[in-house]
Amino acid sequence: MQQQDSNACFVCGKQNPHGLKLDFHEIDGRVETEFTPEPEHQGWPGYVHGGILFTVLDETIGRVGFTIGAWTMSGRVEIRYREPAPIGQPLRVVGTLVRERGRALELQGFAQLRDGTVVAEATGLYMRVPDAMRQTLEQQIDEGF
């Protein structure tokens, strides 16, 4: 099932002219997207910038909360870069729930090339947003933000 997007979001916003415009799908309790880095996402020549890769992983992992009805924001995220990610090669990015801890969700994810090579892994603690904030965010999305 495809997840809802926010139009202005850098990662998923379809109307953000500078954004990545990624689609996210729920599959058996996990969240997945595919991201093909372009030359404008480059750090070292020929390779995606680590900050862009972190951003895609953070968004993917954070969306795991939606699979259990939780809206979350990053509390703490740790990333481990395992291999350089080449520009122009599609990456499969996956996020999963490790466990719930009160208001917090412990989540993890990875990005891998089509040949199965894992280029980065991340773990994080994501905090549920307060109900009032969630209602405001839902209204903004409904209004096309």
N, C-alpha and C. Protein backbone atom coordinates (compact mmCIF):
# COMPACT_ATOMS: atom_id res chain seq x y z
N MET A 1 0.84 -1.17 0.00
CA MET A 1 0.00 0.00 0.00
C MET A 1 0.89 1.24 0.00
N GLN A 2 0.60 2.18 -0.89
CA GLN A 2 1.38 3.41 -0.95
C GLN A 2 1.00 4.32 0.21
N GLN A 3 2.01 4.96 0.81
CA GLN A 3 1.77 5.88 1.92
C GLN A 3 1.47 7.28 1.41
N GLN A 4 0.82 8.07 2.27
CA GLN A 4 0.45 9.44 1.96
C GLN A 4 1.70 10.33 1.94
N ASP A 5 1.66 11.37 1.11
CA ASP A 5 2.76 12.30 0.98
C ASP A 5 2.33 13.70 1.40
N SER A 6 3.32 14.53 1.70
CA SER A 6 3.13 15.95 1.94
C SER A 6 3.73 16.67 0.74
N ASN A 7 2.97 17.53 0.10
CA ASN A 7 3.41 18.15 -1.15
C ASN A 7 4.75 18.88 -1.07
N ALA A 8 5.04 19.51 0.07
CA ALA A 8 6.25 20.33 0.20
C ALA A 8 7.45 19.56 0.74
N CYS A 9 7.25 18.33 1.17
CA CYS A 9 8.34 17.54 1.77
C CYS A 9 9.51 17.40 0.79
N PHE A 10 10.73 17.58 1.29
CA PHE A 10 11.92 17.43 0.43
C PHE A 10 12.04 16.02 -0.12
N VAL A 11 11.70 15.02 0.67
CA VAL A 11 11.89 13.64 0.24
C VAL A 11 10.71 13.13 -0.58
N CYS A 12 9.48 13.36 -0.12
CA CYS A 12 8.32 12.75 -0.78
C CYS A 12 7.44 13.73 -1.55
N GLY A 13 7.63 15.02 -1.35
CA GLY A 13 6.73 16.02 -1.93
C GLY A 13 6.78 16.08 -3.45
N LYS A 14 5.66 15.79 -4.07
CA LYS A 14 5.59 15.79 -5.53
C LYS A 14 5.61 17.21 -6.10
N GLN A 15 5.27 18.21 -5.27
CA GLN A 15 5.24 19.58 -5.76
C GLN A 15 6.46 20.39 -5.30
N ASN A 16 7.42 19.75 -4.68
CA ASN A 16 8.65 20.43 -4.27
C ASN A 16 9.63 20.37 -5.45
N PRO A 17 9.91 21.52 -6.09
CA PRO A 17 10.76 21.50 -7.28
C PRO A 17 12.20 21.05 -7.00
N HIS A 18 12.63 21.11 -5.75
CA HIS A 18 13.99 20.71 -5.39
C HIS A 18 14.04 19.34 -4.72
N GLY A 19 12.87 18.71 -4.56
CA GLY A 19 12.78 17.48 -3.79
C GLY A 19 13.09 16.21 -4.57
N LEU A 20 13.12 15.11 -3.84
CA LEU A 20 13.42 13.79 -4.41
C LEU A 20 12.20 13.10 -4.99
N LYS A 21 11.00 13.48 -4.52
CA LYS A 21 9.72 12.97 -5.04
C LYS A 21 9.60 11.44 -4.96
N LEU A 22 10.04 10.87 -3.84
CA LEU A 22 10.01 9.42 -3.68
C LEU A 22 8.63 8.93 -3.25
N ASP A 23 8.30 7.72 -3.65
CA ASP A 23 7.09 7.03 -3.22
C ASP A 23 7.49 6.00 -2.17
N PHE A 24 6.64 5.84 -1.16
CA PHE A 24 6.89 4.89 -0.08
C PHE A 24 5.75 3.90 -0.02
N HIS A 25 6.09 2.63 0.18
CA HIS A 25 5.10 1.56 0.20
C HIS A 25 5.26 0.72 1.46
N GLU A 26 4.10 0.35 2.03
CA GLU A 26 4.08 -0.58 3.17
C GLU A 26 3.97 -1.99 2.60
N ILE A 27 4.89 -2.84 3.01
CA ILE A 27 4.92 -4.23 2.56
C ILE A 27 5.20 -5.11 3.77
N ASP A 28 4.20 -5.86 4.20
CA ASP A 28 4.37 -6.80 5.33
C ASP A 28 4.99 -6.15 6.56
N GLY A 29 4.50 -4.96 6.93
CA GLY A 29 4.95 -4.30 8.15
C GLY A 29 6.23 -3.49 8.01
N ARG A 30 6.80 -3.47 6.83
CA ARG A 30 7.99 -2.64 6.62
C ARG A 30 7.65 -1.55 5.61
N VAL A 31 8.54 -0.57 5.49
CA VAL A 31 8.37 0.51 4.52
C VAL A 31 9.53 0.43 3.54
N GLU A 32 9.21 0.59 2.24
CA GLU A 32 10.24 0.52 1.21
C GLU A 32 10.08 1.67 0.22
N THR A 33 11.20 2.08 -0.34
CA THR A 33 11.22 3.01 -1.46
C THR A 33 12.40 2.65 -2.35
N GLU A 34 12.39 3.18 -3.55
CA GLU A 34 13.55 3.05 -4.43
C GLU A 34 14.03 4.45 -4.76
N PHE A 35 15.34 4.64 -4.67
CA PHE A 35 15.96 5.94 -4.91
C PHE A 35 17.14 5.74 -5.85
N THR A 36 17.11 6.46 -6.97
CA THR A 36 18.23 6.44 -7.90
C THR A 36 18.94 7.79 -7.82
N PRO A 37 20.12 7.83 -7.21
CA PRO A 37 20.84 9.10 -7.07
C PRO A 37 21.23 9.67 -8.44
N GLU A 38 21.02 10.97 -8.58
CA GLU A 38 21.35 11.70 -9.80
C GLU A 38 22.63 12.50 -9.57
N PRO A 39 23.22 13.06 -10.62
CA PRO A 39 24.45 13.84 -10.45
C PRO A 39 24.34 14.98 -9.43
N GLU A 40 23.17 15.57 -9.30
CA GLU A 40 23.01 16.66 -8.32
C GLU A 40 23.01 16.18 -6.87
N HIS A 41 23.01 14.88 -6.66
CA HIS A 41 23.05 14.29 -5.31
C HIS A 41 24.47 13.83 -4.94
N GLN A 42 25.42 14.21 -5.74
CA GLN A 42 26.79 13.73 -5.62
C GLN A 42 27.57 14.45 -4.52
N GLY A 43 28.45 13.68 -3.88
CA GLY A 43 29.47 14.23 -2.98
C GLY A 43 30.79 14.12 -3.73
N TRP A 44 31.54 13.03 -3.46
CA TRP A 44 32.72 12.75 -4.27
C TRP A 44 32.26 12.42 -5.69
N PRO A 45 33.08 12.74 -6.70
CA PRO A 45 32.67 12.47 -8.08
C PRO A 45 32.22 11.01 -8.27
N GLY A 46 31.00 10.87 -8.78
CA GLY A 46 30.47 9.55 -9.09
C GLY A 46 29.73 8.85 -7.97
N TYR A 47 29.68 9.48 -6.77
CA TYR A 47 29.05 8.83 -5.62
C TYR A 47 28.10 9.78 -4.91
N VAL A 48 27.02 9.19 -4.37
CA VAL A 48 26.01 10.00 -3.68
C VAL A 48 26.60 10.58 -2.39
N HIS A 49 26.20 11.80 -2.08
CA HIS A 49 26.61 12.47 -0.84
C HIS A 49 25.99 11.73 0.34
N GLY A 50 26.76 11.51 1.39
CA GLY A 50 26.27 10.80 2.56
C GLY A 50 25.07 11.46 3.21
N GLY A 51 24.98 12.78 3.15
CA GLY A 51 23.83 13.47 3.74
C GLY A 51 22.53 13.19 3.01
N ILE A 52 22.61 13.04 1.70
CA ILE A 52 21.42 12.68 0.92
C ILE A 52 20.99 11.26 1.26
N LEU A 53 21.95 10.37 1.33
CA LEU A 53 21.65 8.98 1.69
C LEU A 53 21.04 8.90 3.09
N PHE A 54 21.60 9.67 4.02
CA PHE A 54 21.05 9.72 5.38
C PHE A 54 19.61 10.21 5.35
N THR A 55 19.34 11.25 4.57
CA THR A 55 18.00 11.83 4.49
C THR A 55 16.98 10.79 4.01
N VAL A 56 17.33 10.04 2.98
CA VAL A 56 16.42 9.02 2.45
C VAL A 56 16.21 7.91 3.48
N LEU A 57 17.25 7.49 4.14
CA LEU A 57 17.11 6.46 5.19
C LEU A 57 16.26 6.97 6.35
N ASP A 58 16.51 8.20 6.79
CA ASP A 58 15.74 8.78 7.90
C ASP A 58 14.25 8.83 7.56
N GLU A 59 13.92 9.28 6.37
CA GLU A 59 12.51 9.36 5.95
C GLU A 59 11.88 7.97 5.88
N THR A 60 12.60 7.03 5.31
CA THR A 60 12.07 5.67 5.18
C THR A 60 11.83 5.05 6.55
N ILE A 61 12.82 5.15 7.42
CA ILE A 61 12.68 4.58 8.76
C ILE A 61 11.56 5.27 9.53
N GLY A 62 11.53 6.59 9.46
CA GLY A 62 10.51 7.34 10.19
C GLY A 62 9.09 7.00 9.78
N ARG A 63 8.91 6.61 8.53
CA ARG A 63 7.58 6.26 8.04
C ARG A 63 7.09 4.90 8.54
N VAL A 64 7.96 4.13 9.15
CA VAL A 64 7.53 2.85 9.71
C VAL A 64 6.45 3.07 10.77
N GLY A 65 6.50 4.18 11.47
CA GLY A 65 5.48 4.49 12.46
C GLY A 65 4.07 4.44 11.89
N PHE A 66 3.90 4.88 10.64
CA PHE A 66 2.58 4.87 10.02
C PHE A 66 1.99 3.46 9.96
N THR A 67 2.84 2.44 9.89
CA THR A 67 2.35 1.06 9.79
C THR A 67 1.63 0.62 11.06
N ILE A 68 1.88 1.32 12.17
CA ILE A 68 1.19 1.00 13.43
C ILE A 68 0.36 2.18 13.93
N GLY A 69 0.08 3.14 13.02
CA GLY A 69 -0.76 4.28 13.38
C GLY A 69 -0.07 5.38 14.15
N ALA A 70 1.25 5.41 14.14
CA ALA A 70 2.00 6.43 14.88
C ALA A 70 2.64 7.43 13.92
N TRP A 71 2.55 8.71 14.28
CA TRP A 71 3.28 9.75 13.57
C TRP A 71 4.50 10.06 14.42
N THR A 72 5.68 10.06 13.81
CA THR A 72 6.91 10.22 14.58
C THR A 72 7.83 11.28 14.00
N MET A 73 8.77 11.70 14.83
CA MET A 73 9.88 12.56 14.40
C MET A 73 11.16 11.95 14.94
N SER A 74 12.24 12.18 14.22
CA SER A 74 13.54 11.64 14.62
C SER A 74 13.94 12.16 15.99
N GLY A 75 14.34 11.25 16.87
CA GLY A 75 14.89 11.63 18.16
C GLY A 75 16.40 11.49 18.15
N ARG A 76 16.85 10.34 17.69
CA ARG A 76 18.28 10.06 17.57
C ARG A 76 18.43 9.03 16.46
N VAL A 77 19.34 9.28 15.56
CA VAL A 77 19.57 8.36 14.45
C VAL A 77 21.07 8.16 14.28
N GLU A 78 21.45 6.91 14.11
CA GLU A 78 22.86 6.57 13.86
C GLU A 78 22.94 5.84 12.53
N ILE A 79 23.88 6.26 11.71
CA ILE A 79 24.05 5.63 10.40
C ILE A 79 25.45 5.06 10.28
N ARG A 80 25.53 3.96 9.57
CA ARG A 80 26.83 3.36 9.27
C ARG A 80 26.91 3.21 7.75
N TYR A 81 27.87 3.89 7.17
CA TYR A 81 28.11 3.79 5.73
C TYR A 81 29.04 2.60 5.50
N ARG A 82 28.58 1.66 4.68
CA ARG A 82 29.35 0.42 4.48
C ARG A 82 30.10 0.40 3.15
N GLU A 83 29.50 0.98 2.12
CA GLU A 83 30.11 1.02 0.78
C GLU A 83 29.70 2.33 0.11
N PRO A 84 30.53 2.87 -0.78
CA PRO A 84 30.09 4.05 -1.54
C PRO A 84 28.90 3.68 -2.44
N ALA A 85 27.96 4.61 -2.56
CA ALA A 85 26.77 4.39 -3.39
C ALA A 85 26.94 5.15 -4.70
N PRO A 86 27.08 4.44 -5.82
CA PRO A 86 27.32 5.09 -7.10
C PRO A 86 26.11 5.90 -7.60
N ILE A 87 26.40 7.02 -8.23
CA ILE A 87 25.37 7.81 -8.90
C ILE A 87 24.79 6.96 -10.03
N GLY A 88 23.47 7.06 -10.21
CA GLY A 88 22.81 6.39 -11.33
C GLY A 88 22.41 4.95 -11.08
N GLN A 89 22.78 4.39 -9.93
CA GLN A 89 22.40 3.00 -9.63
C GLN A 89 21.27 2.99 -8.60
N PRO A 90 20.14 2.36 -8.92
CA PRO A 90 19.00 2.34 -8.00
C PRO A 90 19.34 1.70 -6.66
N LEU A 91 18.79 2.30 -5.63
CA LEU A 91 18.94 1.78 -4.27
C LEU A 91 17.57 1.39 -3.74
N ARG A 92 17.48 0.22 -3.16
CA ARG A 92 16.29 -0.21 -2.43
C ARG A 92 16.53 0.20 -0.98
N VAL A 93 15.59 0.96 -0.42
CA VAL A 93 15.72 1.44 0.95
C VAL A 93 14.56 0.89 1.76
N VAL A 94 14.86 0.26 2.90
CA VAL A 94 13.87 -0.47 3.69
C VAL A 94 13.96 -0.03 5.15
N GLY A 95 12.80 0.16 5.78
CA GLY A 95 12.74 0.46 7.20
C GLY A 95 11.84 -0.52 7.93
N THR A 96 12.21 -0.90 9.16
CA THR A 96 11.42 -1.84 9.95
C THR A 96 11.37 -1.42 11.42
N LEU A 97 10.36 -1.91 12.10
CA LEU A 97 10.19 -1.69 13.53
C LEU A 97 10.99 -2.74 14.30
N VAL A 98 11.79 -2.27 15.26
CA VAL A 98 12.50 -3.18 16.15
C VAL A 98 11.64 -3.42 17.38
N ARG A 99 11.20 -2.32 18.04
CA ARG A 99 10.31 -2.44 19.19
C ARG A 99 9.75 -1.08 19.58
N GLU A 100 8.65 -1.12 20.32
CA GLU A 100 8.04 0.08 20.88
C GLU A 100 8.52 0.25 22.31
N ARG A 101 8.81 1.50 22.68
CA ARG A 101 9.25 1.81 24.04
C ARG A 101 8.51 3.05 24.51
N GLY A 102 7.27 2.87 24.99
CA GLY A 102 6.47 4.02 25.41
C GLY A 102 6.18 4.93 24.23
N ARG A 103 6.56 6.21 24.37
CA ARG A 103 6.36 7.18 23.28
C ARG A 103 7.33 6.96 22.13
N ALA A 104 8.36 6.18 22.36
CA ALA A 104 9.42 6.01 21.37
C ALA A 104 9.27 4.71 20.59
N LEU A 105 9.71 4.76 19.35
CA LEU A 105 9.81 3.57 18.51
C LEU A 105 11.27 3.37 18.16
N GLU A 106 11.76 2.18 18.36
CA GLU A 106 13.11 1.85 17.93
C GLU A 106 12.99 1.25 16.53
N LEU A 107 13.63 1.90 15.57
CA LEU A 107 13.49 1.53 14.17
C LEU A 107 14.86 1.30 13.55
N GLN A 108 14.86 0.57 12.43
CA GLN A 108 16.12 0.33 11.72
C GLN A 108 15.86 0.27 10.23
N GLY A 109 16.93 0.39 9.46
CA GLY A 109 16.78 0.31 8.02
C GLY A 109 18.11 0.14 7.32
N PHE A 110 18.02 -0.04 6.01
CA PHE A 110 19.22 -0.19 5.20
C PHE A 110 18.93 0.29 3.79
N ALA A 111 20.01 0.57 3.07
CA ALA A 111 19.95 0.89 1.64
C ALA A 111 20.87 -0.07 0.93
N GLN A 112 20.36 -0.68 -0.16
CA GLN A 112 21.17 -1.67 -0.87
C GLN A 112 21.05 -1.49 -2.37
N LEU A 113 22.13 -1.85 -3.05
CA LEU A 113 22.15 -1.87 -4.50
C LEU A 113 21.38 -3.09 -5.00
N ARG A 114 21.09 -3.11 -6.29
CA ARG A 114 20.33 -4.23 -6.86
C ARG A 114 21.03 -5.57 -6.70
N ASP A 115 22.35 -5.55 -6.62
CA ASP A 115 23.08 -6.82 -6.45
C ASP A 115 23.09 -7.30 -5.00
N GLY A 116 22.41 -6.56 -4.11
CA GLY A 116 22.32 -6.94 -2.71
C GLY A 116 23.34 -6.29 -1.80
N THR A 117 24.29 -5.56 -2.37
CA THR A 117 25.31 -4.87 -1.57
C THR A 117 24.66 -3.80 -0.70
N VAL A 118 24.83 -3.91 0.61
CA VAL A 118 24.30 -2.91 1.53
C VAL A 118 25.29 -1.74 1.56
N VAL A 119 24.80 -0.54 1.22
CA VAL A 119 25.67 0.64 1.21
C VAL A 119 25.57 1.43 2.51
N ALA A 120 24.47 1.29 3.23
CA ALA A 120 24.31 2.00 4.51
C ALA A 120 23.26 1.31 5.36
N GLU A 121 23.45 1.40 6.67
CA GLU A 121 22.49 0.88 7.65
C GLU A 121 22.24 1.99 8.68
N ALA A 122 21.03 2.04 9.20
CA ALA A 122 20.72 3.04 10.21
C ALA A 122 19.83 2.45 11.29
N THR A 123 19.99 2.95 12.50
CA THR A 123 19.10 2.63 13.61
C THR A 123 18.72 3.94 14.26
N GLY A 124 17.55 3.97 14.85
CA GLY A 124 17.14 5.22 15.47
C GLY A 124 16.02 5.08 16.45
N LEU A 125 15.89 6.11 17.26
CA LEU A 125 14.80 6.25 18.21
C LEU A 125 13.93 7.38 17.68
N TYR A 126 12.69 7.08 17.36
CA TYR A 126 11.76 8.04 16.80
C TYR A 126 10.64 8.27 17.80
N MET A 127 10.32 9.53 18.03
CA MET A 127 9.34 9.89 19.06
C MET A 127 7.98 10.14 18.43
N ARG A 128 6.93 9.61 19.07
CA ARG A 128 5.56 9.91 18.63
C ARG A 128 5.30 11.40 18.84
N VAL A 129 4.68 12.04 17.86
CA VAL A 129 4.36 13.46 18.03
C VAL A 129 3.13 13.57 18.93
N PRO A 130 3.02 14.67 19.70
CA PRO A 130 1.84 14.88 20.54
C PRO A 130 0.57 14.93 19.69
N ASP A 131 -0.56 14.55 20.28
CA ASP A 131 -1.83 14.50 19.54
C ASP A 131 -2.18 15.82 18.87
N ALA A 132 -1.98 16.94 19.57
CA ALA A 132 -2.32 18.25 18.99
C ALA A 132 -1.48 18.52 17.74
N MET A 133 -0.23 18.18 17.80
CA MET A 133 0.65 18.38 16.64
C MET A 133 0.23 17.46 15.50
N ARG A 134 -0.12 16.23 15.82
CA ARG A 134 -0.57 15.29 14.79
C ARG A 134 -1.80 15.83 14.08
N GLN A 135 -2.76 16.35 14.85
CA GLN A 135 -3.98 16.89 14.25
C GLN A 135 -3.67 18.05 13.31
N THR A 136 -2.75 18.92 13.73
CA THR A 136 -2.35 20.04 12.88
C THR A 136 -1.69 19.55 11.60
N LEU A 137 -0.79 18.59 11.72
CA LEU A 137 -0.12 18.04 10.54
C LEU A 137 -1.10 17.37 9.59
N GLU A 138 -2.03 16.60 10.14
CA GLU A 138 -3.04 15.94 9.30
C GLU A 138 -3.87 16.97 8.54
N GLN A 139 -4.23 18.05 9.22
CA GLN A 139 -5.03 19.10 8.57
C GLN A 139 -4.22 19.77 7.46
N GLN A 140 -2.96 20.05 7.70
CA GLN A 140 -2.12 20.67 6.67
C GLN A 140 -1.98 19.77 5.45
N ILE A 141 -1.82 18.48 5.67
CA ILE A 141 -1.71 17.55 4.55
C ILE A 141 -3.03 17.50 3.78
N ASP A 142 -4.16 17.47 4.51
CA ASP A 142 -5.47 17.47 3.85
C ASP A 142 -5.68 18.72 3.01
N GLU A 143 -5.07 19.84 3.44
CA GLU A 143 -5.21 21.11 2.72
C GLU A 143 -4.20 21.24 1.58
N GLY A 144 -3.36 20.23 1.39
CA GLY A 144 -2.44 20.23 0.27
C GLY A 144 -1.05 20.74 0.56
N PHE A 145 -0.69 20.88 1.83
CA PHE A 145 0.66 21.34 2.19
C PHE A 145 1.71 20.35 1.73
